[in-house]
Structures are given as C-alpha cells and as structure tokens.
C-alpha atoms as a PDB file:
ATOM      1  CA  UNK A   1     272.127  16.261 -90.454  1.00  0.00           C
ATOM      2  CA  UNK A   2     269.120  18.356 -91.474  1.00  0.00           C
ATOM      3  CA  UNK A   3     270.187  21.138 -89.110  1.00  0.00           C
ATOM      4  CA  UNK A   4     273.619  21.302 -90.755  1.00  0.00           C
ATOM      5  CA  UNK A   5     272.080  21.572 -94.194  1.00  0.00           C
ATOM      6  CA  UNK A   6     269.717  24.311 -93.067  1.00  0.00           C
ATOM      7  CA  UNK A   7     272.574  26.304 -91.508  1.00  0.00           C
ATOM      8  CA  UNK A   8     274.552  26.051 -94.742  1.00  0.00           C
ATOM      9  CA  UNK A   9     271.625  27.191 -96.857  1.00  0.00           C
ATOM     10  CA  UNK A  10     271.284  30.350 -94.741  1.00  0.00           C
ATOM     11  CA  UNK A  11     274.927  31.178 -95.547  1.00  0.00           C
ATOM     12  CA  UNK A  12     274.348  30.774 -99.275  1.00  0.00           C
ATOM     13  CA  UNK A  13     273.317  33.208-101.999  1.00  0.00           C
ATOM     14  CA  UNK A  14     272.076  32.529-105.516  1.00  0.00           C
ATOM     15  CA  UNK A  15     273.998  34.251-108.297  1.00  0.00           C
ATOM     16  CA  UNK A  16     272.186  34.754-111.606  1.00  0.00           C
ATOM     17  CA  UNK A  17     273.729  36.226-114.744  1.00  0.00           C
ATOM     18  CA  UNK A  18     276.980  34.249-114.697  1.00  0.00           C
ATOM     19  CA  UNK A  19     278.314  34.316-118.287  1.00  0.00           C
ATOM     20  CA  UNK A  20     277.871  30.823-119.656  1.00  0.00           C
ATOM     21  CA  UNK A  21     280.278  29.019-121.941  1.00  0.00           C
ATOM     22  CA  UNK A  22     283.012  31.685-122.022  1.00  0.00           C
ATOM     23  CA  UNK A  23     285.525  29.960-119.756  1.00  0.00           C
ATOM     24  CA  UNK A  24     286.141  26.604-118.130  1.00  0.00           C
ATOM     25  CA  UNK A  25     283.792  25.965-115.198  1.00  0.00           C
ATOM     26  CA  UNK A  26     286.577  25.882-112.612  1.00  0.00           C
ATOM     27  CA  UNK A  27     287.949  29.199-113.924  1.00  0.00           C
ATOM     28  CA  UNK A  28     284.517  30.834-113.650  1.00  0.00           C
ATOM     29  CA  UNK A  29     284.131  29.456-110.115  1.00  0.00           C
ATOM     30  CA  UNK A  30     287.504  31.007-109.249  1.00  0.00           C
ATOM     31  CA  UNK A  31     286.424  34.403-110.649  1.00  0.00           C
ATOM     32  CA  UNK A  32     283.228  34.258-108.601  1.00  0.00           C
ATOM     33  CA  UNK A  33     285.207  33.384-105.468  1.00  0.00           C
ATOM     34  CA  UNK A  34     287.493  36.396-105.960  1.00  0.00           C
ATOM     35  CA  UNK A  35     284.522  38.707-106.595  1.00  0.00           C
ATOM     36  CA  UNK A  36     282.692  37.732-103.421  1.00  0.00           C
ATOM     37  CA  UNK A  37     285.791  37.873-101.248  1.00  0.00           C
ATOM     38  CA  UNK A  38     286.498  41.516-102.104  1.00  0.00           C
ATOM     39  CA  UNK A  39     285.543  44.084 -99.461  1.00  0.00           C
ATOM     40  CA  UNK A  40     284.411  46.561-102.139  1.00  0.00           C
ATOM     41  CA  UNK A  41     281.699  44.034-103.026  1.00  0.00           C
ATOM     42  CA  UNK A  42     280.723  43.746 -99.332  1.00  0.00           C
ATOM     43  CA  UNK A  43     282.156  40.234 -99.453  1.00  0.00           C
ATOM     44  CA  UNK A  44     284.012  37.988 -97.030  1.00  0.00           C
ATOM     45  CA  UNK A  45     285.473  34.525 -96.635  1.00  0.00           C
ATOM     46  CA  UNK A  46     283.958  32.133 -99.171  1.00  0.00           C
ATOM     47  CA  UNK A  47     283.514  28.538 -98.053  1.00  0.00           C
ATOM     48  CA  UNK A  48     282.386  27.134-101.393  1.00  0.00           C
ATOM     49  CA  UNK A  49     281.230  28.058-104.894  1.00  0.00           C
ATOM     50  CA  UNK A  50     278.875  25.643-106.640  1.00  0.00           C
ATOM     51  CA  UNK A  51     279.139  26.062-110.387  1.00  0.00           C
ATOM     52  CA  UNK A  52     277.749  24.895-112.748  1.00  0.00           C
ATOM     53  CA  UNK A  53     274.336  24.100-111.306  1.00  0.00           C
ATOM     54  CA  UNK A  54     271.123  22.701-112.746  1.00  0.00           C
ATOM     55  CA  UNK A  55     270.187  26.197-113.955  1.00  0.00           C
ATOM     56  CA  UNK A  56     272.109  27.810-116.809  1.00  0.00           C
ATOM     57  CA  UNK A  57     274.025  30.932-115.736  1.00  0.00           C
ATOM     58  CA  UNK A  58     273.348  30.320-112.032  1.00  0.00           C
ATOM     59  CA  UNK A  59     275.870  29.680-109.250  1.00  0.00           C
ATOM     60  CA  UNK A  60     275.625  29.206-105.476  1.00  0.00           C
ATOM     61  CA  UNK A  61     278.127  30.962-103.215  1.00  0.00           C
ATOM     62  CA  UNK A  62     278.403  29.823 -99.589  1.00  0.00           C
ATOM     63  CA  UNK A  63     280.142  32.075 -97.068  1.00  0.00           C
ATOM     64  CA  UNK A  64     281.859  31.168 -93.815  1.00  0.00           C
ATOM     65  CA  UNK A  65     279.738  33.700 -91.918  1.00  0.00           C
ATOM     66  CA  UNK A  66     276.024  34.345 -92.319  1.00  0.00           C
ATOM     67  CA  UNK A  67     276.568  38.085 -91.715  1.00  0.00           C
ATOM     68  CA  UNK A  68     278.435  38.281 -95.024  1.00  0.00           C
ATOM     69  CA  UNK A  69     275.237  37.185 -96.799  1.00  0.00           C
ATOM     70  CA  UNK A  70     273.388  40.164 -95.352  1.00  0.00           C
ATOM     71  CA  UNK A  71     276.246  42.472 -96.345  1.00  0.00           C
ATOM     72  CA  UNK A  72     276.476  41.139 -99.920  1.00  0.00           C
ATOM     73  CA  UNK A  73     272.719  41.501-100.399  1.00  0.00           C
ATOM     74  CA  UNK A  74     272.855  45.172 -99.394  1.00  0.00           C
ATOM     75  CA  UNK A  75     275.055  45.997-102.378  1.00  0.00           C
ATOM     76  CA  UNK A  76     272.758  47.099-105.194  1.00  0.00           C
ATOM     77  CA  UNK A  77     275.118  46.664-108.133  1.00  0.00           C
ATOM     78  CA  UNK A  78     277.254  43.537-108.499  1.00  0.00           C
ATOM     79  CA  UNK A  79     279.348  43.506-111.679  1.00  0.00           C
ATOM     80  CA  UNK A  80     281.599  40.557-112.385  1.00  0.00           C
ATOM     81  CA  UNK A  81     284.944  41.938-113.598  1.00  0.00           C
ATOM     82  CA  UNK A  82     288.196  40.090-114.251  1.00  0.00           C
ATOM     83  CA  UNK A  83     291.042  40.327-116.745  1.00  0.00           C
ATOM     84  CA  UNK A  84     289.972  36.928-118.044  1.00  0.00           C
ATOM     85  CA  UNK A  85     286.599  38.384-119.057  1.00  0.00           C
ATOM     86  CA  UNK A  86     286.250  40.655-122.080  1.00  0.00           C
ATOM     87  CA  UNK A  87     283.665  42.864-120.353  1.00  0.00           C
ATOM     88  CA  UNK A  88     281.889  43.346-117.019  1.00  0.00           C
ATOM     89  CA  UNK A  89     278.781  41.223-116.420  1.00  0.00           C
ATOM     90  CA  UNK A  90     275.940  42.367-114.109  1.00  0.00           C
ATOM     91  CA  UNK A  91     274.952  39.778-111.520  1.00  0.00           C
ATOM     92  CA  UNK A  92     271.686  39.348-109.622  1.00  0.00           C
ATOM     93  CA  UNK A  93     272.277  38.212-106.037  1.00  0.00           C
ATOM     94  CA  UNK A  94     269.392  36.810-103.984  1.00  0.00           C
ATOM     95  CA  UNK A  95     269.086  34.762-100.772  1.00  0.00           C
ATOM     96  CA  UNK A  96     269.153  31.034-101.377  1.00  0.00           C
ATOM     97  CA  UNK A  97     265.883  30.623 -99.479  1.00  0.00           C
ATOM     98  CA  UNK A  98     264.077  33.086-101.746  1.00  0.00           C
ATOM     99  CA  UNK A  99     260.870  31.704-103.254  1.00  0.00           C
ATOM    100  CA  UNK A 100     261.376  31.239-106.966  1.00  0.00           C
ATOM    101  CA  UNK A 101     258.071  29.791-108.109  1.00  0.00           C
ATOM    102  CA  UNK A 102     256.946  31.044-111.490  1.00  0.00           C
ATOM    103  CA  UNK A 103     255.038  34.257-111.048  1.00  0.00           C
ATOM    104  CA  UNK A 104     251.421  34.454-112.125  1.00  0.00           C
ATOM    105  CA  UNK A 105     250.083  37.025-114.568  1.00  0.00           C
ATOM    106  CA  UNK A 106     246.470  38.091-114.121  1.00  0.00           C
ATOM    107  CA  UNK A 107     244.535  40.534-116.312  1.00  0.00           C
ATOM    108  CA  UNK A 108     242.107  42.631-114.252  1.00  0.00           C
ATOM    109  CA  UNK A 109     239.110  44.442-115.699  1.00  0.00           C
ATOM    110  CA  UNK A 110     238.993  47.695-113.765  1.00  0.00           C
ATOM    111  CA  UNK A 111     236.144  49.065-115.911  1.00  0.00           C
ATOM    112  CA  UNK A 112     233.646  47.820-113.301  1.00  0.00           C
ATOM    113  CA  UNK A 113     234.920  50.598-110.979  1.00  0.00           C
ATOM    114  CA  UNK A 114     234.934  53.439-113.538  1.00  0.00           C
ATOM    115  CA  UNK A 115     231.631  54.983-112.387  1.00  0.00           C
ATOM    116  CA  UNK A 116     232.806  55.234-108.773  1.00  0.00           C
ATOM    117  CA  UNK A 117     236.558  55.840-109.006  1.00  0.00           C
ATOM    118  CA  UNK A 118     239.142  57.562-111.132  1.00  0.00           C
ATOM    119  CA  UNK A 119     240.791  54.381-112.401  1.00  0.00           C
ATOM    120  CA  UNK A 120     244.296  55.876-112.451  1.00  0.00           C
ATOM    121  CA  UNK A 121     243.941  56.787-108.753  1.00  0.00           C
ATOM    122  CA  UNK A 122     242.633  53.326-107.918  1.00  0.00           C
ATOM    123  CA  UNK A 123     245.597  51.701-109.687  1.00  0.00           C
ATOM    124  CA  UNK A 124     247.998  53.882-107.691  1.00  0.00           C
ATOM    125  CA  UNK A 125     246.261  52.775-104.507  1.00  0.00           C
ATOM    126  CA  UNK A 126     246.612  49.149-105.625  1.00  0.00           C
ATOM    127  CA  UNK A 127     250.333  49.634-106.208  1.00  0.00           C
ATOM    128  CA  UNK A 128     250.786  51.018-102.691  1.00  0.00           C
ATOM    129  CA  UNK A 129     248.720  48.153-101.280  1.00  0.00           C
ATOM    130  CA  UNK A 130     250.621  45.455-103.204  1.00  0.00           C
ATOM    131  CA  UNK A 131     254.287  46.454-103.456  1.00  0.00           C
ATOM    132  CA  UNK A 132     255.367  42.894-104.320  1.00  0.00           C
ATOM    133  CA  UNK A 133     253.384  42.943-107.578  1.00  0.00           C
ATOM    134  CA  UNK A 134     254.326  44.320-110.975  1.00  0.00           C
ATOM    135  CA  UNK A 135     251.661  46.345-112.792  1.00  0.00           C
ATOM    136  CA  UNK A 136     251.412  46.883-116.518  1.00  0.00           C
ATOM    137  CA  UNK A 137     249.953  50.038-118.083  1.00  0.00           C
ATOM    138  CA  UNK A 138     246.233  50.728-117.627  1.00  0.00           C
ATOM    139  CA  UNK A 139     244.575  50.135-120.995  1.00  0.00           C
ATOM    140  CA  UNK A 140     241.857  52.352-122.479  1.00  0.00           C
ATOM    141  CA  UNK A 141     239.265  49.582-121.953  1.00  0.00           C
ATOM    142  CA  UNK A 142     240.084  49.452-118.224  1.00  0.00           C
ATOM    143  CA  UNK A 143     242.185  46.281-118.300  1.00  0.00           C
ATOM    144  CA  UNK A 144     245.533  46.016-116.536  1.00  0.00           C
ATOM    145  CA  UNK A 145     248.016  43.131-116.302  1.00  0.00           C
ATOM    146  CA  UNK A 146     249.345  42.268-112.841  1.00  0.00           C
ATOM    147  CA  UNK A 147     252.230  39.872-112.201  1.00  0.00           C
ATOM    148  CA  UNK A 148     253.477  38.317-108.977  1.00  0.00           C
ATOM    149  CA  UNK A 149     253.189  35.396-106.602  1.00  0.00           C
ATOM    150  CA  UNK A 150     249.896  33.698-105.768  1.00  0.00           C
ATOM    151  CA  UNK A 151     249.765  34.996-102.170  1.00  0.00           C
ATOM    152  CA  UNK A 152     250.330  38.575-103.385  1.00  0.00           C
ATOM    153  CA  UNK A 153     247.653  38.190-106.081  1.00  0.00           C
ATOM    154  CA  UNK A 154     245.263  36.827-103.445  1.00  0.00           C
ATOM    155  CA  UNK A 155     245.885  39.843-101.191  1.00  0.00           C
ATOM    156  CA  UNK A 156     245.108  42.173-104.108  1.00  0.00           C
ATOM    157  CA  UNK A 157     241.977  40.182-104.885  1.00  0.00           C
ATOM    158  CA  UNK A 158     240.761  40.563-101.294  1.00  0.00           C
ATOM    159  CA  UNK A 159     241.494  44.305-101.460  1.00  0.00           C
ATOM    160  CA  UNK A 160     239.374  44.707-104.602  1.00  0.00           C
ATOM    161  CA  UNK A 161     236.586  42.556-103.173  1.00  0.00           C
ATOM    162  CA  UNK A 162     236.412  44.868-100.157  1.00  0.00           C
ATOM    163  CA  UNK A 163     236.227  47.835-102.518  1.00  0.00           C
ATOM    164  CA  UNK A 164     233.390  46.195-104.424  1.00  0.00           C
ATOM    165  CA  UNK A 165     231.598  45.291-101.196  1.00  0.00           C
ATOM    166  CA  UNK A 166     231.833  48.860 -99.902  1.00  0.00           C
ATOM    167  CA  UNK A 167     230.300  50.128-103.156  1.00  0.00           C
ATOM    168  CA  UNK A 168     227.489  47.594-102.862  1.00  0.00           C
ATOM    169  CA  UNK A 169     226.776  48.644 -99.297  1.00  0.00           C
ATOM    170  CA  UNK A 170     226.789  52.290-100.337  1.00  0.00           C
ATOM    171  CA  UNK A 171     224.312  51.577-103.146  1.00  0.00           C
ATOM    172  CA  UNK A 172     222.075  49.747-100.681  1.00  0.00           C
ATOM    173  CA  UNK A 173     222.067  52.695 -98.281  1.00  0.00           C
ATOM    174  CA  UNK A 174     221.122  55.052-101.075  1.00  0.00           C
ATOM    175  CA  UNK A 175     218.317  52.864-102.307  1.00  0.00           C
ATOM    176  CA  UNK A 176     214.885  54.413-101.788  1.00  0.00           C
ATOM    177  CA  UNK A 177     212.718  53.217 -98.918  1.00  0.00           C
ATOM    178  CA  UNK A 178     209.982  52.152-101.314  1.00  0.00           C
ATOM    179  CA  UNK A 179     212.426  49.943-103.181  1.00  0.00           C
ATOM    180  CA  UNK A 180     213.625  48.496 -99.896  1.00  0.00           C
ATOM    181  CA  UNK A 181     210.035  47.680 -98.856  1.00  0.00           C
ATOM    182  CA  UNK A 182     209.375  46.062-102.236  1.00  0.00           C
ATOM    183  CA  UNK A 183     212.554  44.014-101.955  1.00  0.00           C
ATOM    184  CA  UNK A 184     211.627  42.876 -98.423  1.00  0.00           C
ATOM    185  CA  UNK A 185     208.206  41.718 -99.658  1.00  0.00           C
ATOM    186  CA  UNK A 186     209.843  39.783-102.484  1.00  0.00           C
ATOM    187  CA  UNK A 187     212.300  38.207-100.053  1.00  0.00           C
ATOM    188  CA  UNK A 188     209.485  37.262 -97.662  1.00  0.00           C
ATOM    189  CA  UNK A 189     207.561  35.680-100.525  1.00  0.00           C
ATOM    190  CA  UNK A 190     210.644  33.773-101.692  1.00  0.00           C
ATOM    191  CA  UNK A 191     211.384  32.634 -98.125  1.00  0.00           C
ATOM    192  CA  UNK A 192     207.808  31.337 -97.716  1.00  0.00           C
ATOM    193  CA  UNK A 193     208.020  29.459-101.016  1.00  0.00           C
ATOM    194  CA  UNK A 194     211.384  27.958-100.112  1.00  0.00           C
ATOM    195  CA  UNK A 195     210.077  26.739 -96.731  1.00  0.00           C
ATOM    196  CA  UNK A 196     207.076  25.178 -98.459  1.00  0.00           C
ATOM    197  CA  UNK A 197     209.274  23.327-100.946  1.00  0.00           C
ATOM    198  CA  UNK A 198     212.237  22.664 -98.641  1.00  0.00           C
ATOM    199  CA  UNK A 199     213.908  19.238 -98.741  1.00  0.00           C
ATOM    200  CA  UNK A 200     216.793  18.709 -96.250  1.00  0.00           C
ATOM    201  CA  UNK A 201     219.529  17.622 -98.690  1.00  0.00           C
ATOM    202  CA  UNK A 202     222.535  19.170 -96.894  1.00  0.00           C
ATOM    203  CA  UNK A 203     223.623  21.207 -99.934  1.00  0.00           C
ATOM    204  CA  UNK A 204     226.760  23.089 -98.893  1.00  0.00           C
ATOM    205  CA  UNK A 205     227.249  24.851-102.211  1.00  0.00           C
ATOM    206  CA  UNK A 206     230.412  25.039-104.294  1.00  0.00           C
ATOM    207  CA  UNK A 207     233.603  26.962-103.560  1.00  0.00           C
ATOM    208  CA  UNK A 208     236.750  27.448-105.626  1.00  0.00           C
ATOM    209  CA  UNK A 209     240.437  27.775-104.697  1.00  0.00           C
ATOM    210  CA  UNK A 210     243.017  28.884-107.264  1.00  0.00           C
ATOM    211  CA  UNK A 211     246.497  27.447-106.631  1.00  0.00           C
ATOM    212  CA  UNK A 212     249.959  27.572-108.125  1.00  0.00           C
ATOM    213  CA  UNK A 213     250.219  24.272-110.036  1.00  0.00           C
ATOM    214  CA  UNK A 214     253.570  23.361-108.439  1.00  0.00           C
ATOM    215  CA  UNK A 215     252.124  23.910-104.969  1.00  0.00           C
ATOM    216  CA  UNK A 216     249.114  21.769-105.906  1.00  0.00           C
ATOM    217  CA  UNK A 217     251.337  18.887-107.056  1.00  0.00           C
ATOM    218  CA  UNK A 218     253.404  19.107-103.872  1.00  0.00           C
ATOM    219  CA  UNK A 219     250.286  19.090-101.697  1.00  0.00           C
ATOM    220  CA  UNK A 220     248.765  16.143-103.579  1.00  0.00           C
ATOM    221  CA  UNK A 221     251.980  14.148-103.159  1.00  0.00           C
ATOM    222  CA  UNK A 222     252.864  14.930 -99.544  1.00  0.00           C
ATOM    223  CA  UNK A 223     249.531  16.066 -98.045  1.00  0.00           C
ATOM    224  CA  UNK A 224     246.889  13.972 -99.840  1.00  0.00           C
ATOM    225  CA  UNK A 225     244.639  13.966 -96.779  1.00  0.00           C
ATOM    226  CA  UNK A 226     243.920  17.684 -97.354  1.00  0.00           C
ATOM    227  CA  UNK A 227     241.979  16.687-100.474  1.00  0.00           C
ATOM    228  CA  UNK A 228     240.048  13.917 -98.699  1.00  0.00           C
ATOM    229  CA  UNK A 229     236.978  14.755 -96.633  1.00  0.00           C
ATOM    230  CA  UNK A 230     233.795  12.829 -95.921  1.00  0.00           C
ATOM    231  CA  UNK A 231     230.752  14.119 -97.814  1.00  0.00           C
ATOM    232  CA  UNK A 232     232.880  16.668 -99.709  1.00  0.00           C
ATOM    233  CA  UNK A 233     233.905  16.290-103.359  1.00  0.00           C
ATOM    234  CA  UNK A 234     237.205  17.899-104.351  1.00  0.00           C
ATOM    235  CA  UNK A 235     238.174  18.127-108.016  1.00  0.00           C
ATOM    236  CA  UNK A 236     240.907  20.010-109.832  1.00  0.00           C
ATOM    237  CA  UNK A 237     241.548  21.375-113.312  1.00  0.00           C
ATOM    238  CA  UNK A 238     245.102  22.355-114.281  1.00  0.00           C
ATOM    239  CA  UNK A 239     245.820  24.986-116.923  1.00  0.00           C
ATOM    240  CA  UNK A 240     249.550  25.681-117.094  1.00  0.00           C
ATOM    241  CA  UNK A 241     250.789  27.487-113.959  1.00  0.00           C
ATOM    242  CA  UNK A 242     247.271  27.611-112.508  1.00  0.00           C
ATOM    243  CA  UNK A 243     245.239  24.802-110.938  1.00  0.00           C
ATOM    244  CA  UNK A 244     241.627  25.485-109.984  1.00  0.00           C
ATOM    245  CA  UNK A 245     240.344  23.329-107.131  1.00  0.00           C
ATOM    246  CA  UNK A 246     236.580  22.969-106.728  1.00  0.00           C
ATOM    247  CA  UNK A 247     235.185  22.042-103.297  1.00  0.00           C
ATOM    248  CA  UNK A 248     231.515  21.075-103.082  1.00  0.00           C
ATOM    249  CA  UNK A 249     229.011  19.049-101.146  1.00  0.00           C
ATOM    250  CA  UNK A 250     228.838  15.368-102.073  1.00  0.00           C
ATOM    251  CA  UNK A 251     226.582  14.095 -99.320  1.00  0.00           C
ATOM    252  CA  UNK A 252     225.419  15.664 -96.081  1.00  0.00           C
ATOM    253  CA  UNK A 253     228.076  18.371 -95.793  1.00  0.00           C
ATOM    254  CA  UNK A 254     226.804  21.856 -94.985  1.00  0.00           C
ATOM    255  CA  UNK A 255     228.202  25.184 -96.152  1.00  0.00           C
ATOM    256  CA  UNK A 256     230.364  25.438 -93.050  1.00  0.00           C
ATOM    257  CA  UNK A 257     232.098  22.140 -93.747  1.00  0.00           C
ATOM    258  CA  UNK A 258     232.719  23.068 -97.398  1.00  0.00           C
ATOM    259  CA  UNK A 259     234.168  26.435 -96.317  1.00  0.00           C
ATOM    260  CA  UNK A 260     236.352  24.703 -93.734  1.00  0.00           C
ATOM    261  CA  UNK A 261     237.860  22.395 -96.353  1.00  0.00           C
ATOM    262  CA  UNK A 262     238.485  25.329 -98.686  1.00  0.00           C
ATOM    263  CA  UNK A 263     240.232  27.277 -95.918  1.00  0.00           C
ATOM    264  CA  UNK A 264     242.365  24.271 -95.029  1.00  0.00           C
ATOM    265  CA  UNK A 265     243.583  24.013 -98.635  1.00  0.00           C
ATOM    266  CA  UNK A 266     244.229  27.764 -98.851  1.00  0.00           C
ATOM    267  CA  UNK A 267     246.137  27.918 -95.553  1.00  0.00           C
ATOM    268  CA  UNK A 268     248.372  24.984 -96.465  1.00  0.00           C
ATOM    269  CA  UNK A 269     249.131  26.397 -99.917  1.00  0.00           C
ATOM    270  CA  UNK A 270     250.114  29.804 -98.502  1.00  0.00           C
ATOM    271  CA  UNK A 271     252.347  28.160 -95.902  1.00  0.00           C
ATOM    272  CA  UNK A 272     254.118  26.042 -98.527  1.00  0.00           C
ATOM    273  CA  UNK A 273     254.500  28.984-100.892  1.00  0.00           C
ATOM    274  CA  UNK A 274     256.565  30.777 -98.248  1.00  0.00           C
ATOM    275  CA  UNK A 275     258.995  27.903 -97.541  1.00  0.00           C
ATOM    276  CA  UNK A 276     259.354  25.875-100.742  1.00  0.00           C
ATOM    277  CA  UNK A 277     261.794  26.425-103.569  1.00  0.00           C
ATOM    278  CA  UNK A 278     261.795  25.161-107.149  1.00  0.00           C
ATOM    279  CA  UNK A 279     264.548  24.650-109.675  1.00  0.00           C
ATOM    280  CA  UNK A 280     264.352  23.465-113.265  1.00  0.00           C
ATOM    281  CA  UNK A 281     267.115  21.268-114.645  1.00  0.00           C
ATOM    282  CA  UNK A 282     267.023  21.672-118.413  1.00  0.00           C
ATOM    283  CA  UNK A 283     268.093  18.943-120.837  1.00  0.00           C
ATOM    284  CA  UNK A 284     267.018  20.796-123.953  1.00  0.00           C
ATOM    285  CA  UNK A 285     270.485  21.163-125.449  1.00  0.00           C
ATOM    286  CA  UNK A 286     271.909  17.944-124.025  1.00  0.00           C
ATOM    287  CA  UNK A 287     272.653  14.842-126.096  1.00  0.00           C
ATOM    288  CA  UNK A 288     270.268  11.936-125.576  1.00  0.00           C
ATOM    289  CA  UNK A 289     272.672   9.911-123.403  1.00  0.00           C
ATOM    290  CA  UNK A 290     273.282  12.923-121.146  1.00  0.00           C
ATOM    291  CA  UNK A 291     269.525  13.450-120.733  1.00  0.00           C
ATOM    292  CA  UNK A 292     269.174   9.838-119.632  1.00  0.00           C
ATOM    293  CA  UNK A 293     272.079  10.243-117.210  1.00  0.00           C
ATOM    294  CA  UNK A 294     270.503  13.302-115.571  1.00  0.00           C
ATOM    295  CA  UNK A 295     267.141  11.536-115.236  1.00  0.00           C
ATOM    296  CA  UNK A 296     268.830   8.459-113.805  1.00  0.00           C
ATOM    297  CA  UNK A 297     270.612  10.615-111.203  1.00  0.00           C
ATOM    298  CA  UNK A 298     267.316  12.310-110.246  1.00  0.00           C
ATOM    299  CA  UNK A 299     265.629   8.962-109.677  1.00  0.00           C
ATOM    300  CA  UNK A 300     268.541   7.660-107.618  1.00  0.00           C
ATOM    301  CA  UNK A 301     268.564  10.730-105.396  1.00  0.00           C
ATOM    302  CA  UNK A 302     264.820  10.750-104.659  1.00  0.00           C
ATOM    303  CA  UNK A 303     265.204   8.224-101.830  1.00  0.00           C
ATOM    304  CA  UNK A 304     267.862  10.402-100.164  1.00  0.00           C
ATOM    305  CA  UNK A 305     265.566  13.437-100.162  1.00  0.00           C
ATOM    306  CA  UNK A 306     262.111  12.156 -99.148  1.00  0.00           C
ATOM    307  CA  UNK A 307     260.605  15.664 -98.880  1.00  0.00           C
ATOM    308  CA  UNK A 308     261.590  16.657-102.408  1.00  0.00           C
ATOM    309  CA  UNK A 309     259.179  16.261-105.321  1.00  0.00           C
ATOM    310  CA  UNK A 310     260.772  15.481-108.684  1.00  0.00           C
ATOM    311  CA  UNK A 311     258.552  16.057-111.725  1.00  0.00           C
ATOM    312  CA  UNK A 312     260.091  14.732-114.961  1.00  0.00           C
ATOM    313  CA  UNK A 313     259.319  16.317-118.335  1.00  0.00           C
ATOM    314  CA  UNK A 314     260.600  15.572-121.811  1.00  0.00           C
ATOM    315  CA  UNK A 315     263.203  18.347-121.926  1.00  0.00           C
ATOM    316  CA  UNK A 316     263.655  19.135-118.228  1.00  0.00           C
ATOM    317  CA  UNK A 317     263.072  18.024-114.650  1.00  0.00           C
ATOM    318  CA  UNK A 318     261.423  20.234-112.047  1.00  0.00           C
ATOM    319  CA  UNK A 319     262.526  19.790-108.437  1.00  0.00           C
ATOM    320  CA  UNK A 320     260.394  21.211-105.605  1.00  0.00           C
ATOM    321  CA  UNK A 321     261.280  21.138-101.917  1.00  0.00           C
ATOM    322  CA  UNK A 322     262.745  22.977 -98.957  1.00  0.00           C
ATOM    323  CA  UNK A 323     265.694  25.222 -99.804  1.00  0.00           C
ATOM    324  CA  UNK A 324     268.204  23.223 -97.753  1.00  0.00           C
ATOM    325  CA  UNK A 325     267.219  19.983 -99.504  1.00  0.00           C
ATOM    326  CA  UNK A 326     267.292  21.594-102.955  1.00  0.00           C
ATOM    327  CA  UNK A 327     270.741  22.980-102.220  1.00  0.00           C
ATOM    328  CA  UNK A 328     272.153  19.564-101.335  1.00  0.00           C
ATOM    329  CA  UNK A 329     270.284  17.731-104.093  1.00  0.00           C
ATOM    330  CA  UNK A 330     271.609  20.144-106.727  1.00  0.00           C
ATOM    331  CA  UNK A 331     275.173  19.550-105.567  1.00  0.00           C
ATOM    332  CA  UNK A 332     274.637  15.782-105.606  1.00  0.00           C
ATOM    333  CA  UNK A 333     273.151  15.919-109.084  1.00  0.00           C
ATOM    334  CA  UNK A 334     276.085  17.914-110.383  1.00  0.00           C
ATOM    335  CA  UNK A 335     278.722  15.640-108.871  1.00  0.00           C
ATOM    336  CA  UNK A 336     277.045  12.352-109.797  1.00  0.00           C
ATOM    337  CA  UNK A 337     276.286  13.477-113.353  1.00  0.00           C
ATOM    338  CA  UNK A 338     279.943  14.337-113.822  1.00  0.00           C
ATOM    339  CA  UNK A 339     281.378  11.192-112.222  1.00  0.00           C
ATOM    340  CA  UNK A 340     279.060   8.526-113.597  1.00  0.00           C
END
C-alpha cells in the first residue's frame, strides 16, 4: 500500500498559480489536463488532476509515466492558455516531493569582517558557496538579509565560522612572542588556580541548536526519545518559525555527552528536513460550519495516516508528513469535505 502511494507521488507535480474562482473546479481541472497533455508543454498522458486542494491556487497533476514529470519540469515557462480564460496565466511547476517548509530569514552583520575583507567580495563568495539561498542588498552598516532553508543557513553559518576561525588563527600567528609568553604565564597561573579550587561536578557546559519550528514539533511528536537523555537537560523556546533548543548538563554528564546529544538532534532535524513536506489548509474565508467540517475531517483522517502530524490553528490547519502521505491525505480531505 505504502509503496503504491510512493510510486504515485513520484509521478506527480505541484502546480501553483492556478487562477482561483474564475471557472468551475471541474472546468479548471479539464484545462489543466489539456495543458499538461500537450507535447509543446513537454507533457504526456495525465492519469489524474487533483483540484481544488487544501492550498488556494494549487493543483496536483499525476502522469502515467514518471519520465513525463522530468520532461515537464525542464520547461522553464508554463503559461496556462485556453479560450475559456480571458488571459494567459503563468504557472510554477515543482516536484511533489519538493520540501516546502517556510524559509527562514536571517540578518547577518558582516561588519565584523570589514577590516580583513572587502565585504562586497565576501558576499559574492557567500553567494557562490550557498546557491540555494537568496541574498538581499548589502547595507551601508554591513548588514545583509539571507533567506532559505535551515540546512542551507546552517551551511552558510559553518562557512562564516571557518572564515572567522582562520582570521583568529592568523591574528595568533602574528602576535608578538612577548605577548605569547605573557599569555602562557597567565594561562599557567589560571590552570594552577583552577586545579587548587577544582570540584568534580561533571559540568558539560551548554550548547544550542536552532531548528525549524515545524521540524521541532514533528520530532517531539514522533521522536520524543531524542529529547530524553540521562543527566542532560533539554529545553526549548519557540519564536515563530524558529525554535531554539538548549542542551546542558543536569547531573554527571560531561562535555562529550552534551555534544553527542546536540549532534543527535541536529542530524535528525537535517534528515527530516530533506524528506518531509508541509501543507497549510486555510479556513480564513470559510463559513463557521465549513471550518468545523474541515477540522472534523482532519481528526478523522489522523488514524489513517499515523506518520502525519496535524497541527490545528484558529484559521488553518498545518499538515506535516512524508510527501506520499500528504498527497493521499489531501485527496481524502477534499473528497470527504465535499461529500459529508
């Protein structure tokens, strides 16, 4: 059963930009079918068009052959044209399995590098290093906004940390020998004092992991054991799309154990970020009884999709899971909401 769903999801593309509210849903589905069957659009035999979906202006098109998906995606410009439409509409076509978690925006202060680098050159190097990120203009005060997924932001962070480390090492090499001798004497004195006052309390320090909030919720629900470790305290603070997880010693844990827990959380989050998908079913413009119907359908379907996390909100429901499950759940939601 799961294998069949997965195979279908690999033959499916997500269509964004479908004009909403202009025509009857079945007419729009027919127009989409015709568009993606045409050879000039790199199309082929269409097995099914799912429209409407939980997302406004979004449709799913499933082809008979997976090779057609690859062909359709190669076409740069898809424009939906039909005599029943008053004008052409540009469409965005992406693989169904594409990660669609909300991107993160981070503001970086590049001024710390201004004495060692030409900031414009450093930004260009960052862009080449991180092609999956979007960069805003470099401001006069050295700040620049960067937008993209958490894994891509983390890669950029590691790149900048290496830059900073190389500068630190360079400064150390250029430090005078007299300063180095003085620093060694101070370190020896501090080491002697610490040994004299040492109490073996097993302090492993504190380490921080920054996660996508949706990934954090999914991990807490399906992998709670990752956040449970003897002698290690794990706490979290959520601020919108970002959740900061703090890992610290709470008993006899050493620094190695704290680092191990942090790495375990990071590795699991990166793995999930590459395979999970999220959709948002909005009820904002729905009448009250229709909102209740959608929420009722979501609750009823949860048992049929045990690996899907449903997070209800006042005006929408967020659904997080594997792409094949999300594909089937969305279809079920649409059909049950219409037939109930």
